[in-house]
PDB file of N, CA and C in Angstrom:
ATOM      1  N   UNK A   1     108.449 133.310 111.354  1.00  0.00           N
ATOM      2  CA  UNK A   1     108.152 131.900 111.296  1.00  0.00           C
ATOM      3  C   UNK A   1     109.328 131.140 111.913  1.00  0.00           C
ATOM      4  N   UNK A   2     109.159 130.684 113.126  1.00  0.00           N
ATOM      5  CA  UNK A   2     110.202 129.954 113.832  1.00  0.00           C
ATOM      6  C   UNK A   2     110.094 128.460 113.494  1.00  0.00           C
ATOM      7  N   UNK A   3     111.204 127.859 113.122  1.00  0.00           N
ATOM      8  CA  UNK A   3     111.202 126.445 112.749  1.00  0.00           C
ATOM      9  C   UNK A   3     110.781 125.598 113.949  1.00  0.00           C
ATOM     10  N   UNK A   4     109.882 124.629 113.703  1.00  0.00           N
ATOM     11  CA  UNK A   4     109.416 123.772 114.785  1.00  0.00           C
ATOM     12  C   UNK A   4     109.354 122.296 114.382  1.00  0.00           C
ATOM     13  N   UNK A   5     109.982 121.939 113.270  1.00  0.00           N
ATOM     14  CA  UNK A   5     109.982 120.557 112.780  1.00  0.00           C
ATOM     15  C   UNK A   5     111.428 120.057 112.735  1.00  0.00           C
ATOM     16  N   UNK A   6     111.682 118.950 113.426  1.00  0.00           N
ATOM     17  CA  UNK A   6     113.038 118.397 113.483  1.00  0.00           C
ATOM     18  C   UNK A   6     113.403 117.681 112.186  1.00  0.00           C
ATOM     19  N   UNK A   7     114.671 117.336 112.065  1.00  0.00           N
ATOM     20  CA  UNK A   7     115.156 116.636 110.872  1.00  0.00           C
ATOM     21  C   UNK A   7     114.458 115.294 110.705  1.00  0.00           C
ATOM     22  N   UNK A   8     114.311 114.544 111.792  1.00  0.00           N
ATOM     23  CA  UNK A   8     113.633 113.249 111.725  1.00  0.00           C
ATOM     24  C   UNK A   8     112.186 113.422 111.284  1.00  0.00           C
ATOM     25  N   UNK A   9     111.510 114.400 111.853  1.00  0.00           N
ATOM     26  CA  UNK A   9     110.122 114.699 111.498  1.00  0.00           C
ATOM     27  C   UNK A   9     110.027 115.076 110.019  1.00  0.00           C
ATOM     28  N   UNK A  10     110.975 115.862 109.523  1.00  0.00           N
ATOM     29  CA  UNK A  10     110.989 116.264 108.113  1.00  0.00           C
ATOM     30  C   UNK A  10     111.112 115.053 107.202  1.00  0.00           C
ATOM     31  N   UNK A  11     112.033 114.142 107.545  1.00  0.00           N
ATOM     32  CA  UNK A  11     112.245 112.946 106.732  1.00  0.00           C
ATOM     33  C   UNK A  11     110.987 112.083 106.703  1.00  0.00           C
ATOM     34  N   UNK A  12     110.354 111.903 107.856  1.00  0.00           N
ATOM     35  CA  UNK A  12     109.130 111.106 107.929  1.00  0.00           C
ATOM     36  C   UNK A  12     108.023 111.728 107.082  1.00  0.00           C
ATOM     37  N   UNK A  13     107.872 113.049 107.168  1.00  0.00           N
ATOM     38  CA  UNK A  13     106.839 113.731 106.387  1.00  0.00           C
ATOM     39  C   UNK A  13     107.068 113.548 104.880  1.00  0.00           C
ATOM     40  N   UNK A  14     108.306 113.732 104.446  1.00  0.00           N
ATOM     41  CA  UNK A  14     108.608 113.629 103.018  1.00  0.00           C
ATOM     42  C   UNK A  14     108.448 112.192 102.533  1.00  0.00           C
ATOM     43  N   UNK A  15     108.897 111.216 103.327  1.00  0.00           N
ATOM     44  CA  UNK A  15     108.717 109.812 102.942  1.00  0.00           C
ATOM     45  C   UNK A  15     107.239 109.425 102.882  1.00  0.00           C
ATOM     46  N   UNK A  16     106.445 109.920 103.825  1.00  0.00           N
ATOM     47  CA  UNK A  16     105.009 109.640 103.811  1.00  0.00           C
ATOM     48  C   UNK A  16     104.366 110.235 102.554  1.00  0.00           C
ATOM     49  N   UNK A  17     104.782 111.433 102.184  1.00  0.00           N
ATOM     50  CA  UNK A  17     104.255 112.073 100.979  1.00  0.00           C
ATOM     51  C   UNK A  17     104.625 111.281  99.732  1.00  0.00           C
ATOM     52  N   UNK A  18     105.870 110.818  99.667  1.00  0.00           N
ATOM     53  CA  UNK A  18     106.316 110.021  98.521  1.00  0.00           C
ATOM     54  C   UNK A  18     105.506 108.725  98.444  1.00  0.00           C
ATOM     55  N   UNK A  19     105.251 108.095  99.595  1.00  0.00           N
ATOM     56  CA  UNK A  19     104.455 106.865  99.632  1.00  0.00           C
ATOM     57  C   UNK A  19     103.038 107.119  99.115  1.00  0.00           C
ATOM     58  N   UNK A  20     102.424 108.200  99.551  1.00  0.00           N
ATOM     59  CA  UNK A  20     101.069 108.534  99.097  1.00  0.00           C
ATOM     60  C   UNK A  20     101.051 108.765  97.589  1.00  0.00           C
ATOM     61  N   UNK A  21     102.023 109.493  97.096  1.00  0.00           N
ATOM     62  CA  UNK A  21     102.096 109.755  95.653  1.00  0.00           C
ATOM     63  C   UNK A  21     102.309 108.459  94.881  1.00  0.00           C
ATOM     64  N   UNK A  22     103.137 107.562  95.404  1.00  0.00           N
ATOM     65  CA  UNK A  22     103.366 106.271  94.747  1.00  0.00           C
ATOM     66  C   UNK A  22     102.091 105.427  94.733  1.00  0.00           C
ATOM     67  N   UNK A  23     101.350 105.444  95.829  1.00  0.00           N
ATOM     68  CA  UNK A  23     100.081 104.708  95.874  1.00  0.00           C
ATOM     69  C   UNK A  23      99.100 105.244  94.840  1.00  0.00           C
ATOM     70  N   UNK A  24      99.067 106.556  94.695  1.00  0.00           N
ATOM     71  CA  UNK A  24      98.190 107.160  93.697  1.00  0.00           C
ATOM     72  C   UNK A  24      98.639 106.802  92.280  1.00  0.00           C
ATOM     73  N   UNK A  25      99.934 106.868  92.042  1.00  0.00           N
ATOM     74  CA  UNK A  25     100.485 106.604  90.707  1.00  0.00           C
ATOM     75  C   UNK A  25     100.251 105.158  90.271  1.00  0.00           C
ATOM     76  N   UNK A  26     100.244 104.242  91.229  1.00  0.00           N
ATOM     77  CA  UNK A  26     100.022 102.834  90.887  1.00  0.00           C
ATOM     78  C   UNK A  26      98.548 102.468  90.869  1.00  0.00           C
ATOM     79  N   UNK A  27      97.679 103.391  91.216  1.00  0.00           N
ATOM     80  CA  UNK A  27      96.248 103.134  91.189  1.00  0.00           C
ATOM     81  C   UNK A  27      95.732 102.435  92.438  1.00  0.00           C
ATOM     82  N   UNK A  28      96.541 102.360  93.478  1.00  0.00           N
ATOM     83  CA  UNK A  28      96.118 101.707  94.717  1.00  0.00           C
ATOM     84  C   UNK A  28      95.071 102.529  95.468  1.00  0.00           C
ATOM     85  N   UNK A  29      95.103 103.826  95.297  1.00  0.00           N
ATOM     86  CA  UNK A  29      94.090 104.694  95.892  1.00  0.00           C
ATOM     87  C   UNK A  29      93.466 105.522  94.770  1.00  0.00           C
ATOM     88  N   UNK A  30      92.183 105.803  94.925  1.00  0.00           N
ATOM     89  CA  UNK A  30      91.499 106.596  93.897  1.00  0.00           C
ATOM     90  C   UNK A  30      90.307 107.305  94.528  1.00  0.00           C
ATOM     91  N   UNK A  31      89.680 108.145  93.745  1.00  0.00           N
ATOM     92  CA  UNK A  31      88.481 108.846  94.185  1.00  0.00           C
ATOM     93  C   UNK A  31      88.763 109.915  95.217  1.00  0.00           C
ATOM     94  N   UNK A  32      87.773 110.103  96.085  1.00  0.00           N
ATOM     95  CA  UNK A  32      87.847 111.141  97.107  1.00  0.00           C
ATOM     96  C   UNK A  32      89.008 110.902  98.061  1.00  0.00           C
ATOM     97  N   UNK A  33      89.236 109.651  98.436  1.00  0.00           N
ATOM     98  CA  UNK A  33      90.350 109.332  99.321  1.00  0.00           C
ATOM     99  C   UNK A  33      91.669 109.769  98.706  1.00  0.00           C
ATOM    100  N   UNK A  34      91.847 109.528  97.423  1.00  0.00           N
ATOM    101  CA  UNK A  34      93.084 109.907  96.739  1.00  0.00           C
ATOM    102  C   UNK A  34      93.276 111.418  96.767  1.00  0.00           C
ATOM    103  N   UNK A  35      92.219 112.155  96.521  1.00  0.00           N
ATOM    104  CA  UNK A  35      92.309 113.616  96.526  1.00  0.00           C
ATOM    105  C   UNK A  35      92.701 114.125  97.907  1.00  0.00           C
ATOM    106  N   UNK A  36      92.057 113.598  98.935  1.00  0.00           N
ATOM    107  CA  UNK A  36      92.363 114.025 100.304  1.00  0.00           C
ATOM    108  C   UNK A  36      93.811 113.693 100.650  1.00  0.00           C
ATOM    109  N   UNK A  37      94.245 112.474 100.327  1.00  0.00           N
ATOM    110  CA  UNK A  37      95.614 112.071 100.643  1.00  0.00           C
ATOM    111  C   UNK A  37      96.647 112.850  99.842  1.00  0.00           C
ATOM    112  N   UNK A  38      96.327 113.211  98.610  1.00  0.00           N
ATOM    113  CA  UNK A  38      97.261 114.013  97.816  1.00  0.00           C
ATOM    114  C   UNK A  38      97.402 115.423  98.394  1.00  0.00           C
ATOM    115  N   UNK A  39      96.316 115.972  98.914  1.00  0.00           N
ATOM    116  CA  UNK A  39      96.394 117.278  99.582  1.00  0.00           C
ATOM    117  C   UNK A  39      97.271 117.162 100.827  1.00  0.00           C
ATOM    118  N   UNK A  40      97.066 116.096 101.610  1.00  0.00           N
ATOM    119  CA  UNK A  40      97.885 115.863 102.799  1.00  0.00           C
ATOM    120  C   UNK A  40      99.355 115.696 102.404  1.00  0.00           C
ATOM    121  N   UNK A  41      99.608 114.967 101.326  1.00  0.00           N
ATOM    122  CA  UNK A  41     100.979 114.776 100.841  1.00  0.00           C
ATOM    123  C   UNK A  41     101.607 116.118 100.469  1.00  0.00           C
ATOM    124  N   UNK A  42     100.853 116.972  99.818  1.00  0.00           N
ATOM    125  CA  UNK A  42     101.347 118.302  99.468  1.00  0.00           C
ATOM    126  C   UNK A  42     101.708 119.110 100.706  1.00  0.00           C
ATOM    127  N   UNK A  43     100.864 119.030 101.717  1.00  0.00           N
ATOM    128  CA  UNK A  43     101.135 119.737 102.972  1.00  0.00           C
ATOM    129  C   UNK A  43     102.383 119.170 103.631  1.00  0.00           C
ATOM    130  N   UNK A  44     102.512 117.828 103.631  1.00  0.00           N
ATOM    131  CA  UNK A  44     103.701 117.197 104.208  1.00  0.00           C
ATOM    132  C   UNK A  44     104.973 117.649 103.498  1.00  0.00           C
ATOM    133  N   UNK A  45     104.926 117.729 102.190  1.00  0.00           N
ATOM    134  CA  UNK A  45     106.108 118.143 101.427  1.00  0.00           C
ATOM    135  C   UNK A  45     106.489 119.588 101.766  1.00  0.00           C
ATOM    136  N   UNK A  46     105.512 120.464 101.759  1.00  0.00           N
ATOM    137  CA  UNK A  46     105.794 121.877 102.046  1.00  0.00           C
ATOM    138  C   UNK A  46     106.325 122.047 103.466  1.00  0.00           C
ATOM    139  N   UNK A  47     105.638 121.464 104.449  1.00  0.00           N
ATOM    140  CA  UNK A  47     106.088 121.620 105.833  1.00  0.00           C
ATOM    141  C   UNK A  47     107.424 120.924 106.076  1.00  0.00           C
ATOM    142  N   UNK A  48     107.680 119.852 105.341  1.00  0.00           N
ATOM    143  CA  UNK A  48     108.962 119.168 105.465  1.00  0.00           C
ATOM    144  C   UNK A  48     110.108 120.006 104.950  1.00  0.00           C
ATOM    145  N   UNK A  49     109.889 120.689 103.839  1.00  0.00           N
ATOM    146  CA  UNK A  49     110.970 121.490 103.259  1.00  0.00           C
ATOM    147  C   UNK A  49     111.196 122.823 103.976  1.00  0.00           C
ATOM    148  N   UNK A  50     110.148 123.407 104.542  1.00  0.00           N
ATOM    149  CA  UNK A  50     110.341 124.691 105.225  1.00  0.00           C
ATOM    150  C   UNK A  50     110.567 124.538 106.732  1.00  0.00           C
ATOM    151  N   UNK A  51     110.461 123.313 107.247  1.00  0.00           N
ATOM    152  CA  UNK A  51     110.681 123.011 108.674  1.00  0.00           C
ATOM    153  C   UNK A  51     109.747 123.784 109.597  1.00  0.00           C
ATOM    154  N   UNK A  52     108.557 124.054 109.130  1.00  0.00           N
ATOM    155  CA  UNK A  52     107.572 124.765 109.948  1.00  0.00           C
ATOM    156  C   UNK A  52     106.201 124.136 109.745  1.00  0.00           C
ATOM    157  N   UNK A  53     105.542 123.807 110.850  1.00  0.00           N
ATOM    158  CA  UNK A  53     104.195 123.254 110.801  1.00  0.00           C
ATOM    159  C   UNK A  53     103.251 124.203 111.528  1.00  0.00           C
ATOM    160  N   UNK A  54     102.279 124.776 110.818  1.00  0.00           N
ATOM    161  CA  UNK A  54     101.349 125.708 111.459  1.00  0.00           C
ATOM    162  C   UNK A  54     100.559 125.079 112.618  1.00  0.00           C
ATOM    163  N   UNK A  55     100.198 123.812 112.498  1.00  0.00           N
ATOM    164  CA  UNK A  55      99.468 123.160 113.593  1.00  0.00           C
ATOM    165  C   UNK A  55     100.334 123.044 114.841  1.00  0.00           C
ATOM    166  N   UNK A  56     101.615 122.751 114.663  1.00  0.00           N
ATOM    167  CA  UNK A  56     102.521 122.718 115.807  1.00  0.00           C
ATOM    168  C   UNK A  56     102.556 124.094 116.464  1.00  0.00           C
ATOM    169  N   UNK A  57     102.599 125.144 115.669  1.00  0.00           N
ATOM    170  CA  UNK A  57     102.662 126.506 116.201  1.00  0.00           C
ATOM    171  C   UNK A  57     101.389 126.849 116.981  1.00  0.00           C
ATOM    172  N   UNK A  58     100.237 126.461 116.440  1.00  0.00           N
ATOM    173  CA  UNK A  58      98.965 126.751 117.112  1.00  0.00           C
ATOM    174  C   UNK A  58      98.916 126.094 118.488  1.00  0.00           C
ATOM    175  N   UNK A  59      99.383 124.843 118.563  1.00  0.00           N
ATOM    176  CA  UNK A  59      99.322 124.106 119.823  1.00  0.00           C
ATOM    177  C   UNK A  59     100.587 124.254 120.673  1.00  0.00           C
ATOM    178  N   UNK A  60     101.542 125.060 120.215  1.00  0.00           N
ATOM    179  CA  UNK A  60     102.759 125.309 120.974  1.00  0.00           C
ATOM    180  C   UNK A  60     103.705 124.114 121.028  1.00  0.00           C
ATOM    181  N   UNK A  61     103.665 123.271 120.007  1.00  0.00           N
ATOM    182  CA  UNK A  61     104.510 122.086 119.953  1.00  0.00           C
ATOM    183  C   UNK A  61     105.750 122.335 119.105  1.00  0.00           C
ATOM    184  N   UNK A  62     106.766 121.519 119.331  1.00  0.00           N
ATOM    185  CA  UNK A  62     107.952 121.553 118.519  1.00  0.00           C
ATOM    186  C   UNK A  62     108.671 120.223 118.664  1.00  0.00           C
ATOM    187  N   UNK A  63     109.195 119.695 117.557  1.00  0.00           N
ATOM    188  CA  UNK A  63     109.979 118.461 117.610  1.00  0.00           C
ATOM    189  C   UNK A  63     111.465 118.771 117.549  1.00  0.00           C
ATOM    190  N   UNK A  64     111.812 120.039 117.441  1.00  0.00           N
ATOM    191  CA  UNK A  64     113.224 120.446 117.425  1.00  0.00           C
ATOM    192  C   UNK A  64     113.744 120.535 118.856  1.00  0.00           C
ATOM    193  N   UNK A  65     115.032 120.283 119.010  1.00  0.00           N
ATOM    194  CA  UNK A  65     115.662 120.431 120.315  1.00  0.00           C
ATOM    195  C   UNK A  65     115.802 121.911 120.628  1.00  0.00           C
ATOM    196  N   UNK A  66     115.910 122.238 121.881  1.00  0.00           N
ATOM    197  CA  UNK A  66     115.951 123.635 122.320  1.00  0.00           C
ATOM    198  C   UNK A  66     117.061 124.459 121.668  1.00  0.00           C
ATOM    199  N   UNK A  67     118.228 123.905 121.444  1.00  0.00           N
ATOM    200  CA  UNK A  67     119.361 124.652 120.931  1.00  0.00           C
ATOM    201  C   UNK A  67     119.402 124.806 119.420  1.00  0.00           C
ATOM    202  N   UNK A  68     118.480 124.231 118.705  1.00  0.00           N
ATOM    203  CA  UNK A  68     118.545 124.253 117.236  1.00  0.00           C
ATOM    204  C   UNK A  68     117.940 125.501 116.674  1.00  0.00           C
TER     205      UNK A  68
END
């Protein structure tokens, strides 16, 4: 598993996940939308912490610089 997520990308993913969780906790989102967004938030957290995104790998993308 080669890392393909940059530090900036990791921070954005984790902040987006925190925002989604906060929206859910305050009741701003609910129902099916909340469930879908919470799953996305979980994926963002995991990919942010491990610095690897399977979709990036499938499409041959990377936000990391060549030397990292």
